Structure formats: structure tokens, C-alpha cells
N, C-alpha and C. Protein backbone atom coordinates (compact mmCIF):
# COMPACT_ATOMS: atom_id res chain seq x y z
N MET A 1 0.85 -1.18 0.00
CA MET A 1 0.00 0.00 0.00
C MET A 1 0.89 1.24 0.00
N ILE A 2 0.46 2.26 -0.75
CA ILE A 2 1.21 3.51 -0.82
C ILE A 2 0.37 4.62 -0.20
N PHE A 3 0.96 5.38 0.70
CA PHE A 3 0.30 6.53 1.32
C PHE A 3 0.87 7.78 0.68
N SER A 4 0.01 8.53 -0.01
CA SER A 4 0.48 9.69 -0.77
C SER A 4 -0.26 10.94 -0.34
N THR A 5 0.50 11.93 0.11
CA THR A 5 -0.13 13.20 0.45
C THR A 5 -0.63 13.91 -0.80
N GLN A 6 0.07 13.73 -1.93
CA GLN A 6 -0.36 14.35 -3.18
C GLN A 6 -1.73 13.81 -3.60
N ASN A 7 -1.88 12.49 -3.55
CA ASN A 7 -3.16 11.88 -3.91
C ASN A 7 -4.26 12.30 -2.93
N ALA A 8 -3.89 12.44 -1.67
CA ALA A 8 -4.88 12.83 -0.66
C ALA A 8 -5.42 14.23 -0.94
N TYR A 9 -4.56 15.15 -1.40
CA TYR A 9 -5.02 16.50 -1.72
C TYR A 9 -5.93 16.52 -2.95
N ASN A 10 -5.88 15.47 -3.77
CA ASN A 10 -6.72 15.40 -4.95
C ASN A 10 -8.12 14.85 -4.67
N VAL A 11 -8.35 14.42 -3.43
CA VAL A 11 -9.67 13.92 -3.07
C VAL A 11 -10.64 15.09 -3.05
N GLU A 12 -11.73 14.94 -3.82
CA GLU A 12 -12.72 16.02 -3.93
C GLU A 12 -13.55 16.12 -2.66
N LYS A 13 -13.63 17.32 -2.09
CA LYS A 13 -14.42 17.54 -0.89
C LYS A 13 -15.87 17.82 -1.27
N LYS A 14 -16.78 17.33 -0.45
CA LYS A 14 -18.21 17.56 -0.67
C LYS A 14 -18.83 18.09 0.61
N ASP A 15 -18.27 19.20 1.11
CA ASP A 15 -18.76 19.77 2.35
C ASP A 15 -20.17 20.33 2.17
N ILE A 16 -20.98 20.16 3.18
CA ILE A 16 -22.33 20.71 3.19
C ILE A 16 -22.50 21.49 4.49
N ALA A 17 -22.97 22.72 4.37
CA ALA A 17 -23.24 23.53 5.56
C ALA A 17 -24.68 23.27 5.99
N PHE A 18 -24.87 23.04 7.28
CA PHE A 18 -26.20 22.79 7.81
C PHE A 18 -26.64 23.95 8.70
N LEU A 19 -27.93 24.25 8.65
CA LEU A 19 -28.51 25.29 9.47
C LEU A 19 -28.43 24.87 10.93
N GLU A 20 -27.92 25.73 11.78
CA GLU A 20 -27.75 25.39 13.19
C GLU A 20 -29.06 25.59 13.96
N GLY A 21 -29.08 25.10 15.19
CA GLY A 21 -30.26 25.23 16.02
C GLY A 21 -30.59 26.68 16.30
N GLY A 22 -31.88 26.98 16.45
CA GLY A 22 -32.34 28.32 16.75
C GLY A 22 -33.57 28.67 15.94
N ILE A 23 -34.02 29.90 16.07
CA ILE A 23 -35.15 30.40 15.27
C ILE A 23 -34.56 31.24 14.15
N HIS A 24 -34.79 30.82 12.92
CA HIS A 24 -34.17 31.45 11.76
C HIS A 24 -35.22 32.16 10.91
N GLU A 25 -34.84 33.28 10.36
CA GLU A 25 -35.71 34.02 9.45
C GLU A 25 -35.15 33.96 8.04
N ASN A 26 -36.03 34.24 7.07
CA ASN A 26 -35.64 34.28 5.65
C ASN A 26 -35.09 32.95 5.16
N VAL A 27 -35.79 31.89 5.52
CA VAL A 27 -35.44 30.53 5.07
C VAL A 27 -36.31 30.19 3.87
N SER A 28 -35.74 29.50 2.89
CA SER A 28 -36.48 29.13 1.69
C SER A 28 -36.77 27.63 1.67
N PHE A 29 -37.96 27.28 1.22
CA PHE A 29 -38.30 25.88 0.98
C PHE A 29 -37.72 25.49 -0.38
N VAL A 30 -37.07 24.32 -0.44
CA VAL A 30 -36.45 23.86 -1.69
C VAL A 30 -37.31 22.79 -2.36
N ASN A 31 -37.57 21.70 -1.65
CA ASN A 31 -38.40 20.64 -2.23
C ASN A 31 -38.79 19.62 -1.18
N VAL A 32 -39.63 18.67 -1.60
CA VAL A 32 -39.98 17.51 -0.78
C VAL A 32 -39.82 16.30 -1.68
N ARG A 33 -39.27 15.24 -1.11
CA ARG A 33 -39.06 14.02 -1.90
C ARG A 33 -39.40 12.80 -1.06
N LYS A 34 -39.69 11.71 -1.75
CA LYS A 34 -39.96 10.44 -1.08
C LYS A 34 -38.81 9.51 -1.38
N GLU A 35 -38.33 8.83 -0.38
CA GLU A 35 -37.24 7.87 -0.55
C GLU A 35 -37.53 6.63 0.28
N ARG A 36 -36.75 5.61 0.04
CA ARG A 36 -36.82 4.39 0.85
C ARG A 36 -35.44 4.16 1.46
N SER A 37 -35.40 3.96 2.76
CA SER A 37 -34.12 3.76 3.44
C SER A 37 -33.53 2.42 3.07
N THR A 38 -32.27 2.22 3.44
CA THR A 38 -31.62 0.94 3.16
C THR A 38 -32.33 -0.20 3.90
N GLY A 39 -33.03 0.15 4.97
CA GLY A 39 -33.81 -0.85 5.72
C GLY A 39 -35.19 -1.09 5.13
N GLY A 40 -35.49 -0.37 4.03
CA GLY A 40 -36.76 -0.59 3.35
C GLY A 40 -37.91 0.28 3.83
N ASN A 41 -37.64 1.27 4.69
CA ASN A 41 -38.70 2.12 5.22
C ASN A 41 -38.87 3.39 4.38
N LEU A 42 -40.13 3.72 4.09
CA LEU A 42 -40.43 4.92 3.32
C LEU A 42 -40.36 6.17 4.19
N PHE A 43 -39.91 7.28 3.60
CA PHE A 43 -39.93 8.54 4.32
C PHE A 43 -40.10 9.71 3.36
N LEU A 44 -40.60 10.81 3.88
CA LEU A 44 -40.67 12.08 3.17
C LEU A 44 -39.56 12.96 3.72
N GLU A 45 -38.88 13.68 2.85
CA GLU A 45 -37.84 14.60 3.31
C GLU A 45 -38.12 15.99 2.74
N PHE A 46 -38.32 16.94 3.64
CA PHE A 46 -38.49 18.34 3.27
C PHE A 46 -37.12 19.01 3.35
N GLU A 47 -36.79 19.80 2.34
CA GLU A 47 -35.49 20.48 2.33
C GLU A 47 -35.69 21.99 2.32
N PHE A 48 -34.91 22.66 3.18
CA PHE A 48 -34.93 24.12 3.28
C PHE A 48 -33.50 24.62 3.18
N VAL A 49 -33.34 25.91 2.87
CA VAL A 49 -31.99 26.49 2.76
C VAL A 49 -32.02 27.96 3.17
N LYS A 50 -30.91 28.39 3.75
CA LYS A 50 -30.71 29.80 4.07
C LYS A 50 -29.23 30.12 3.90
N ASN A 51 -28.93 31.05 3.03
CA ASN A 51 -27.53 31.46 2.77
C ASN A 51 -26.62 30.26 2.53
N GLY A 52 -27.10 29.29 1.80
CA GLY A 52 -26.30 28.11 1.48
C GLY A 52 -26.30 27.03 2.54
N ALA A 53 -26.84 27.32 3.73
CA ALA A 53 -26.91 26.32 4.80
C ALA A 53 -28.22 25.53 4.65
N LYS A 54 -28.11 24.24 4.75
CA LYS A 54 -29.23 23.33 4.46
C LYS A 54 -29.90 22.83 5.73
N LEU A 55 -31.20 22.60 5.63
CA LEU A 55 -31.97 21.96 6.70
C LEU A 55 -32.85 20.91 6.06
N THR A 56 -32.83 19.70 6.59
CA THR A 56 -33.75 18.68 6.13
C THR A 56 -34.61 18.23 7.31
N HIS A 57 -35.85 17.93 6.99
CA HIS A 57 -36.79 17.41 7.99
C HIS A 57 -37.41 16.15 7.42
N THR A 58 -37.32 15.06 8.16
CA THR A 58 -37.78 13.75 7.68
C THR A 58 -39.01 13.29 8.44
N GLU A 59 -39.96 12.79 7.69
CA GLU A 59 -41.16 12.15 8.26
C GLU A 59 -41.20 10.72 7.75
N TRP A 60 -41.05 9.77 8.67
CA TRP A 60 -41.02 8.35 8.32
C TRP A 60 -42.43 7.78 8.25
N GLU A 61 -42.64 6.84 7.35
CA GLU A 61 -43.93 6.15 7.30
C GLU A 61 -44.15 5.48 8.65
N PRO A 62 -45.26 5.79 9.31
CA PRO A 62 -45.46 5.21 10.65
C PRO A 62 -45.76 3.71 10.56
N ASN A 63 -45.17 2.98 11.46
CA ASN A 63 -45.41 1.54 11.55
C ASN A 63 -46.01 1.24 12.92
N LYS A 64 -47.02 0.42 12.91
CA LYS A 64 -47.66 0.05 14.17
C LYS A 64 -46.85 -1.04 14.86
N ARG A 65 -46.34 -0.71 16.04
CA ARG A 65 -45.59 -1.69 16.82
C ARG A 65 -46.57 -2.64 17.51
N THR A 66 -46.10 -3.80 17.87
CA THR A 66 -46.99 -4.80 18.50
C THR A 66 -47.60 -4.26 19.79
N GLU A 67 -46.86 -3.39 20.49
CA GLU A 67 -47.38 -2.88 21.77
C GLU A 67 -48.29 -1.66 21.61
N ASP A 68 -48.42 -1.13 20.38
CA ASP A 68 -49.27 0.03 20.13
C ASP A 68 -50.74 -0.38 20.07
N THR A 69 -51.57 0.37 20.79
CA THR A 69 -53.01 0.18 20.64
C THR A 69 -53.44 0.92 19.37
N ASP A 70 -54.66 0.66 18.92
CA ASP A 70 -55.17 1.37 17.75
C ASP A 70 -55.21 2.87 17.99
N ASP A 71 -55.59 3.27 19.20
CA ASP A 71 -55.64 4.70 19.53
C ASP A 71 -54.25 5.33 19.53
N GLU A 72 -53.27 4.63 20.06
CA GLU A 72 -51.90 5.15 20.08
C GLU A 72 -51.35 5.31 18.67
N PHE A 73 -51.64 4.33 17.83
CA PHE A 73 -51.16 4.41 16.45
C PHE A 73 -51.86 5.54 15.70
N ALA A 74 -53.15 5.72 15.94
CA ALA A 74 -53.90 6.81 15.31
C ALA A 74 -53.35 8.16 15.76
N THR A 75 -52.99 8.29 17.04
CA THR A 75 -52.40 9.53 17.55
C THR A 75 -51.07 9.81 16.87
N LYS A 76 -50.25 8.77 16.70
CA LYS A 76 -48.96 8.92 16.02
C LYS A 76 -49.15 9.42 14.59
N ALA A 77 -50.10 8.82 13.87
CA ALA A 77 -50.36 9.21 12.48
C ALA A 77 -50.93 10.63 12.42
N ASN A 78 -51.85 10.96 13.34
CA ASN A 78 -52.44 12.30 13.35
C ASN A 78 -51.41 13.38 13.64
N ASN A 79 -50.49 13.10 14.57
CA ASN A 79 -49.42 14.07 14.88
C ASN A 79 -48.51 14.27 13.68
N GLN A 80 -48.23 13.18 12.96
CA GLN A 80 -47.39 13.30 11.77
C GLN A 80 -48.06 14.18 10.72
N VAL A 81 -49.33 13.91 10.45
CA VAL A 81 -50.04 14.72 9.46
C VAL A 81 -50.13 16.17 9.93
N ALA A 82 -50.29 16.40 11.23
CA ALA A 82 -50.34 17.77 11.76
C ALA A 82 -49.03 18.50 11.51
N ARG A 83 -47.89 17.81 11.66
CA ARG A 83 -46.59 18.44 11.38
C ARG A 83 -46.47 18.79 9.90
N ILE A 84 -46.87 17.85 9.05
CA ILE A 84 -46.81 18.08 7.60
C ILE A 84 -47.72 19.25 7.22
N LEU A 85 -48.92 19.29 7.80
CA LEU A 85 -49.85 20.39 7.51
C LEU A 85 -49.29 21.73 7.99
N GLN A 86 -48.54 21.71 9.09
CA GLN A 86 -47.95 22.97 9.56
C GLN A 86 -46.94 23.51 8.55
N ILE A 87 -46.15 22.62 7.96
CA ILE A 87 -45.21 23.04 6.92
C ILE A 87 -45.97 23.58 5.72
N MET A 88 -46.99 22.85 5.29
CA MET A 88 -47.78 23.27 4.13
C MET A 88 -48.56 24.54 4.42
N GLY A 89 -48.95 24.72 5.69
CA GLY A 89 -49.73 25.88 6.09
C GLY A 89 -48.97 27.19 6.00
N ALA A 90 -47.66 27.12 5.86
CA ALA A 90 -46.88 28.34 5.64
C ALA A 90 -47.12 28.88 4.24
N PHE A 91 -47.71 28.06 3.37
CA PHE A 91 -47.96 28.45 1.98
C PHE A 91 -49.45 28.46 1.62
N TYR A 92 -50.24 27.62 2.31
CA TYR A 92 -51.64 27.45 1.95
C TYR A 92 -52.57 27.82 3.11
N GLU A 93 -53.77 28.26 2.77
CA GLU A 93 -54.82 28.50 3.76
C GLU A 93 -55.36 27.16 4.24
N LYS A 94 -55.86 27.15 5.47
CA LYS A 94 -56.39 25.92 6.07
C LYS A 94 -57.48 25.29 5.20
N GLU A 95 -58.31 26.12 4.58
CA GLU A 95 -59.42 25.61 3.76
C GLU A 95 -58.93 24.76 2.59
N THR A 96 -57.74 25.05 2.09
CA THR A 96 -57.19 24.29 0.97
C THR A 96 -56.71 22.91 1.42
N LEU A 97 -56.36 22.77 2.70
CA LEU A 97 -55.70 21.56 3.18
C LEU A 97 -56.61 20.62 3.96
N GLN A 98 -57.77 21.09 4.38
CA GLN A 98 -58.60 20.22 5.23
C GLN A 98 -59.51 19.31 4.42
N ASN A 99 -60.04 18.31 5.12
CA ASN A 99 -61.01 17.35 4.56
C ASN A 99 -60.43 16.39 3.53
N TYR A 100 -59.20 15.96 3.74
CA TYR A 100 -58.60 14.92 2.90
C TYR A 100 -58.31 13.70 3.77
N THR A 101 -58.51 12.53 3.23
CA THR A 101 -58.23 11.28 3.93
C THR A 101 -57.44 10.37 3.00
N PHE A 102 -56.42 9.74 3.56
CA PHE A 102 -55.57 8.86 2.76
C PHE A 102 -55.41 7.54 3.51
N SER A 103 -55.47 6.44 2.77
CA SER A 103 -55.33 5.12 3.42
C SER A 103 -53.90 4.61 3.35
N GLU A 104 -53.09 5.21 2.49
CA GLU A 104 -51.71 4.77 2.31
C GLU A 104 -50.76 5.97 2.40
N PHE A 105 -49.55 5.72 2.88
CA PHE A 105 -48.52 6.76 2.97
C PHE A 105 -48.21 7.32 1.58
N ASP A 106 -48.18 6.44 0.58
CA ASP A 106 -47.93 6.88 -0.80
C ASP A 106 -48.95 7.89 -1.28
N GLU A 107 -50.21 7.69 -0.91
CA GLU A 107 -51.27 8.62 -1.30
C GLU A 107 -51.05 9.99 -0.64
N LEU A 108 -50.71 9.95 0.65
CA LEU A 108 -50.42 11.19 1.37
C LEU A 108 -49.25 11.90 0.71
N TYR A 109 -48.20 11.15 0.41
CA TYR A 109 -47.02 11.75 -0.20
C TYR A 109 -47.37 12.40 -1.54
N SER A 110 -48.11 11.71 -2.39
CA SER A 110 -48.45 12.24 -3.71
C SER A 110 -49.21 13.56 -3.59
N TRP A 111 -50.12 13.63 -2.61
CA TRP A 111 -50.88 14.85 -2.38
C TRP A 111 -49.96 15.98 -1.90
N VAL A 112 -49.11 15.66 -0.91
CA VAL A 112 -48.16 16.66 -0.39
C VAL A 112 -47.24 17.15 -1.50
N LYS A 113 -46.69 16.23 -2.26
CA LYS A 113 -45.76 16.56 -3.34
C LYS A 113 -46.41 17.47 -4.38
N SER A 114 -47.63 17.13 -4.79
CA SER A 114 -48.29 17.93 -5.82
C SER A 114 -48.53 19.37 -5.35
N LEU A 115 -48.92 19.54 -4.10
CA LEU A 115 -49.15 20.89 -3.59
C LEU A 115 -47.85 21.65 -3.34
N MET A 116 -46.85 20.96 -2.79
CA MET A 116 -45.60 21.65 -2.46
C MET A 116 -44.78 21.97 -3.71
N ASP A 117 -44.94 21.19 -4.77
CA ASP A 117 -44.27 21.52 -6.03
C ASP A 117 -44.82 22.81 -6.63
N ALA A 118 -46.05 23.16 -6.27
CA ALA A 118 -46.70 24.33 -6.85
C ALA A 118 -46.50 25.61 -6.05
N VAL A 119 -45.85 25.53 -4.88
CA VAL A 119 -45.72 26.73 -4.05
C VAL A 119 -44.71 27.70 -4.64
N ASP A 120 -44.81 28.94 -4.22
CA ASP A 120 -43.87 29.98 -4.62
C ASP A 120 -42.60 29.81 -3.79
N LYS A 121 -41.55 29.30 -4.41
CA LYS A 121 -40.31 29.01 -3.67
C LYS A 121 -39.56 30.28 -3.28
N ALA A 122 -40.00 31.42 -3.79
CA ALA A 122 -39.38 32.70 -3.39
C ALA A 122 -39.94 33.18 -2.05
N LYS A 123 -41.02 32.57 -1.59
CA LYS A 123 -41.62 32.97 -0.32
C LYS A 123 -40.69 32.58 0.82
N LEU A 124 -40.42 33.53 1.71
CA LEU A 124 -39.49 33.28 2.81
C LEU A 124 -40.22 32.87 4.07
N LEU A 125 -39.53 32.06 4.87
CA LEU A 125 -40.12 31.45 6.06
C LEU A 125 -39.34 31.77 7.32
N ARG A 126 -40.04 31.68 8.43
CA ARG A 126 -39.40 31.71 9.76
C ARG A 126 -39.54 30.30 10.31
N VAL A 127 -38.44 29.68 10.72
CA VAL A 127 -38.49 28.30 11.18
C VAL A 127 -37.71 28.12 12.48
N LYS A 128 -38.18 27.17 13.25
CA LYS A 128 -37.46 26.76 14.47
C LYS A 128 -36.68 25.49 14.14
N VAL A 129 -35.39 25.51 14.39
CA VAL A 129 -34.52 24.37 14.12
C VAL A 129 -33.98 23.86 15.45
N ILE A 130 -34.13 22.57 15.67
CA ILE A 130 -33.65 21.99 16.93
C ILE A 130 -32.69 20.83 16.64
N TYR A 131 -31.93 20.48 17.68
CA TYR A 131 -31.05 19.31 17.58
C TYR A 131 -31.76 18.10 18.18
N GLY A 132 -31.61 16.97 17.51
CA GLY A 132 -32.12 15.72 18.05
C GLY A 132 -31.06 15.06 18.92
N ALA A 133 -31.39 13.93 19.48
CA ALA A 133 -30.48 13.22 20.38
C ALA A 133 -29.19 12.81 19.70
N THR A 134 -29.23 12.64 18.37
CA THR A 134 -28.03 12.20 17.64
C THR A 134 -27.16 13.37 17.19
N GLY A 135 -27.60 14.61 17.49
CA GLY A 135 -26.80 15.77 17.12
C GLY A 135 -27.11 16.35 15.76
N TYR A 136 -28.14 15.84 15.08
CA TYR A 136 -28.53 16.38 13.78
C TYR A 136 -29.68 17.36 13.95
N THR A 137 -29.76 18.34 13.05
CA THR A 137 -30.82 19.33 13.13
C THR A 137 -32.02 18.92 12.28
N SER A 138 -33.19 19.41 12.70
CA SER A 138 -34.41 19.23 11.93
C SER A 138 -35.46 20.16 12.53
N LEU A 139 -36.64 20.14 11.95
CA LEU A 139 -37.77 20.81 12.58
C LEU A 139 -38.17 19.97 13.78
N PRO A 140 -38.86 20.57 14.77
CA PRO A 140 -39.28 19.78 15.93
C PRO A 140 -40.23 18.65 15.56
N LYS A 141 -40.29 17.64 16.42
CA LYS A 141 -41.15 16.48 16.20
C LYS A 141 -42.50 16.63 16.90
N TYR A 142 -42.73 17.77 17.56
CA TYR A 142 -44.04 17.94 18.19
C TYR A 142 -45.01 18.57 17.20
N ALA A 143 -46.30 18.44 17.52
CA ALA A 143 -47.34 18.94 16.62
C ALA A 143 -48.15 20.08 17.23
N LYS A 144 -48.02 20.28 18.54
CA LYS A 144 -48.90 21.23 19.22
C LYS A 144 -48.38 22.67 19.27
N TYR A 145 -47.12 22.87 18.90
CA TYR A 145 -46.52 24.20 18.97
C TYR A 145 -46.04 24.61 17.57
N THR A 146 -46.13 25.89 17.29
CA THR A 146 -45.74 26.41 15.99
C THR A 146 -44.22 26.37 15.82
N PHE A 147 -43.77 25.83 14.68
CA PHE A 147 -42.33 25.79 14.40
C PHE A 147 -42.00 26.33 13.01
N ILE A 148 -43.01 26.68 12.22
CA ILE A 148 -42.76 27.25 10.90
C ILE A 148 -43.90 28.19 10.55
N GLU A 149 -43.55 29.31 9.93
CA GLU A 149 -44.57 30.27 9.50
C GLU A 149 -43.98 31.17 8.41
N SER A 150 -44.85 31.88 7.75
CA SER A 150 -44.43 32.80 6.70
C SER A 150 -43.75 34.03 7.31
N MET A 151 -42.80 34.58 6.59
CA MET A 151 -42.18 35.83 7.01
C MET A 151 -43.14 37.01 6.85
N ASP A 152 -44.30 36.77 6.24
CA ASP A 152 -45.32 37.81 6.16
C ASP A 152 -45.83 38.18 7.56
N ILE A 153 -45.69 37.26 8.50
CA ILE A 153 -46.09 37.53 9.88
C ILE A 153 -44.99 38.34 10.54
N PRO A 154 -45.31 39.54 11.07
CA PRO A 154 -44.27 40.35 11.72
C PRO A 154 -43.66 39.60 12.92
N ALA A 155 -42.40 39.87 13.20
CA ALA A 155 -41.68 39.17 14.28
C ALA A 155 -42.40 39.31 15.61
N ASP A 156 -42.99 40.49 15.88
CA ASP A 156 -43.66 40.68 17.17
C ASP A 156 -45.01 39.95 17.25
N LYS A 157 -45.48 39.42 16.13
CA LYS A 157 -46.73 38.65 16.10
C LYS A 157 -46.45 37.15 15.92
N SER A 158 -45.18 36.79 15.86
CA SER A 158 -44.81 35.40 15.61
C SER A 158 -45.29 34.48 16.72
N LYS A 159 -45.78 33.30 16.32
CA LYS A 159 -46.18 32.28 17.29
C LYS A 159 -45.03 31.32 17.62
N ILE A 160 -43.92 31.48 16.93
CA ILE A 160 -42.76 30.62 17.20
C ILE A 160 -42.03 31.13 18.43
N LYS A 161 -42.00 30.34 19.47
CA LYS A 161 -41.35 30.71 20.72
C LYS A 161 -40.41 29.60 21.16
N PRO A 162 -39.28 29.96 21.78
CA PRO A 162 -38.41 28.90 22.32
C PRO A 162 -39.10 28.23 23.51
N LEU A 163 -39.06 26.92 23.53
CA LEU A 163 -39.65 26.15 24.63
C LEU A 163 -38.54 25.46 25.41
N ASN A 164 -38.82 25.12 26.66
CA ASN A 164 -37.77 24.47 27.46
C ASN A 164 -37.45 23.06 26.96
N ILE A 165 -38.28 22.51 26.08
CA ILE A 165 -37.98 21.19 25.51
C ILE A 165 -37.14 21.28 24.24
N ASP A 166 -36.96 22.50 23.72
CA ASP A 166 -36.17 22.69 22.49
C ASP A 166 -34.69 22.65 22.80
N VAL A 167 -33.94 21.94 21.97
CA VAL A 167 -32.48 21.87 22.13
C VAL A 167 -31.87 22.67 20.98
N PHE A 168 -31.33 23.86 21.31
CA PHE A 168 -30.75 24.74 20.30
C PHE A 168 -29.23 24.62 20.22
N THR A 169 -28.63 23.96 21.19
CA THR A 169 -27.18 23.77 21.21
C THR A 169 -26.87 22.32 20.91
N ARG A 170 -25.95 22.13 19.99
CA ARG A 170 -25.62 20.75 19.59
C ARG A 170 -25.13 19.96 20.80
N PRO A 171 -25.74 18.79 21.06
CA PRO A 171 -25.31 17.99 22.21
C PRO A 171 -23.92 17.41 22.00
N GLU A 172 -23.19 17.31 23.09
CA GLU A 172 -21.87 16.69 23.05
C GLU A 172 -22.06 15.18 23.00
N ILE A 173 -21.62 14.58 21.93
CA ILE A 173 -21.76 13.14 21.77
C ILE A 173 -20.37 12.54 21.61
N GLY A 174 -19.95 11.78 22.60
CA GLY A 174 -18.62 11.17 22.55
C GLY A 174 -18.61 9.96 21.62
N ASP A 175 -17.43 9.58 21.23
CA ASP A 175 -17.29 8.37 20.42
C ASP A 175 -17.73 7.18 21.26
N LYS A 176 -18.40 6.24 20.61
CA LYS A 176 -18.81 5.04 21.31
C LYS A 176 -17.63 4.09 21.36
N GLU A 177 -17.39 3.56 22.56
CA GLU A 177 -16.31 2.60 22.71
C GLU A 177 -16.74 1.28 22.12
N VAL A 178 -15.90 0.75 21.26
CA VAL A 178 -16.18 -0.54 20.64
C VAL A 178 -15.53 -1.62 21.49
N PRO A 179 -16.34 -2.54 22.02
CA PRO A 179 -15.76 -3.59 22.85
C PRO A 179 -14.83 -4.48 22.03
N THR A 180 -13.72 -4.81 22.63
CA THR A 180 -12.78 -5.71 21.95
C THR A 180 -12.61 -6.97 22.77
N ASP A 181 -12.29 -8.01 22.09
CA ASP A 181 -12.03 -9.27 22.76
C ASP A 181 -10.69 -9.15 23.48
N SER A 182 -10.67 -9.44 24.76
CA SER A 182 -9.43 -9.27 25.53
C SER A 182 -8.33 -10.21 25.05
N ALA A 183 -8.70 -11.20 24.26
CA ALA A 183 -7.68 -12.13 23.77
C ALA A 183 -7.07 -11.67 22.45
N THR A 184 -7.46 -10.50 21.97
CA THR A 184 -6.87 -10.00 20.72
C THR A 184 -6.38 -8.59 20.91
N THR A 185 -5.46 -8.18 20.09
CA THR A 185 -5.01 -6.81 20.09
C THR A 185 -5.98 -6.00 19.24
N THR A 186 -5.75 -4.70 19.10
CA THR A 186 -6.63 -3.87 18.29
C THR A 186 -6.53 -4.23 16.81
N PHE A 187 -5.51 -4.94 16.41
CA PHE A 187 -5.37 -5.33 15.01
C PHE A 187 -5.87 -6.75 14.77
N GLY A 188 -6.44 -7.39 15.77
CA GLY A 188 -7.00 -8.72 15.60
C GLY A 188 -5.99 -9.84 15.71
N THR A 189 -4.78 -9.52 16.11
CA THR A 189 -3.76 -10.55 16.27
C THR A 189 -3.91 -11.18 17.65
N PRO A 190 -4.02 -12.49 17.73
CA PRO A 190 -4.20 -13.12 19.04
C PRO A 190 -3.02 -12.82 19.98
N VAL A 191 -3.38 -12.56 21.22
CA VAL A 191 -2.36 -12.35 22.25
C VAL A 191 -2.06 -13.72 22.85
N VAL A 192 -0.80 -14.09 22.88
CA VAL A 192 -0.42 -15.38 23.43
C VAL A 192 -0.16 -15.19 24.92
N ALA A 193 -0.96 -15.87 25.73
CA ALA A 193 -0.80 -15.77 27.18
C ALA A 193 0.49 -16.47 27.61
N ALA A 194 1.25 -15.79 28.44
CA ALA A 194 2.51 -16.41 28.92
C ALA A 194 2.19 -17.46 29.98
N LYS A 195 2.87 -18.57 29.88
CA LYS A 195 2.70 -19.61 30.88
C LYS A 195 3.46 -19.23 32.13
N ALA A 196 2.92 -19.62 33.25
CA ALA A 196 3.54 -19.27 34.53
C ALA A 196 4.97 -19.76 34.62
N SER A 197 5.26 -20.94 34.00
CA SER A 197 6.59 -21.52 34.10
C SER A 197 7.63 -20.74 33.29
N THR A 198 7.19 -19.88 32.35
CA THR A 198 8.14 -19.16 31.53
C THR A 198 8.44 -17.76 32.07
N LEU A 199 7.76 -17.36 33.14
CA LEU A 199 7.97 -16.04 33.70
C LEU A 199 9.30 -16.00 34.46
N PRO A 200 10.01 -14.87 34.40
CA PRO A 200 11.32 -14.79 35.04
C PRO A 200 11.27 -14.63 36.55
N PHE A 201 10.12 -14.50 37.14
CA PHE A 201 10.03 -14.29 38.60
C PHE A 201 9.07 -15.24 39.25
């Protein structure tokens, strides 16, 4: 193997700036897309940008766990739709968005996509950006408090307020220690235990 500093400098960088935690003004909506994770789970991803800094917000297709009651699962789905409607509500009046029912996540996505593709992307937004437990930013996961609105609303009339549950400072996350087998070195070479009879003392 050859280690080359010259070759290392030729590696193309793909740095991405992310919007930090806090309440931001003059944010633009970019798009919404549907993807499937490597684990096979569907999700919607909303993308926003401000001065080149990116924010993504993901909504995963809800899955009913074995311990979820029907009411608990319905609450989870309703909260998800409420978050999506809050994003859409920065562009549309409530009357345009109410009275729709979807039986599949794909149907919901198609409806969201068709409406969000038609919005005026020049319209600026005020958004609350928080850090999750893993240290990544997104919109909040709650549905009962305002986290996005049009910049048409004056700052002194804004419903977006910092809450004590909001994390605006990136959490310190240490490296996870990887357990190693005590019988091997860090390179996987077996350690040969010395026999008592071979010790010099």
C-alpha cells in the first residue's frame, strides 16, 4: 500500500453547511421528496436552505408496533399529518388543506408533493430548528406548537417561541467505545498468554 499526500489533496471535498439550532428568518423551501431507506422504510424529506446552509426534515412512514393500541397508532399518524400540515400551512390556507383522507402513505405523499411543487419558492419562512439526540438538526417532532410560518407575519406577532424542551445547542456526543475481545489486540492478532513456568520471577 502507498500513502500519498499528493493523492490525498486530490480527493474532492463535498462539504455541506447545515442550518444550526435556533429560530431562523428568511429561510427558503427547496423541495420535498420520497425515498426508501436501506432498511426498506419509506420517508418524506423536506429540504430548506438559508444562505447556502441546508436543513432537512424527515417524516417516516409510521409503523404500528406490536405494543401500540389502535388509539396510540392513530395519535402517532395524526401528529405526523399535523406536522406536515404545519409546513404546508406556511404556503396554503387551512381551507385548501382540510377534509382529505388517505389510506396509504404513498397517497399522502403524492398529495403533499403535488401541492408543495406548486408553491412559490421565493416565499421566505421563519423556522425553528432543533437538535435531536443524535446531534442532527431538523424541525421539531411535536405537533402542538408552531415551528414554521411565513415571514409575512411580523416578528412581534410570531407564534414561534423557544420552549424548554427545544435543544438549540448541539449535544456533546462522545465516540462510542467498541468492545474488543481481551484475547486479541486492536489489530485482531491473538495475544499469546505467557505460561507461569516461563515467567522470570
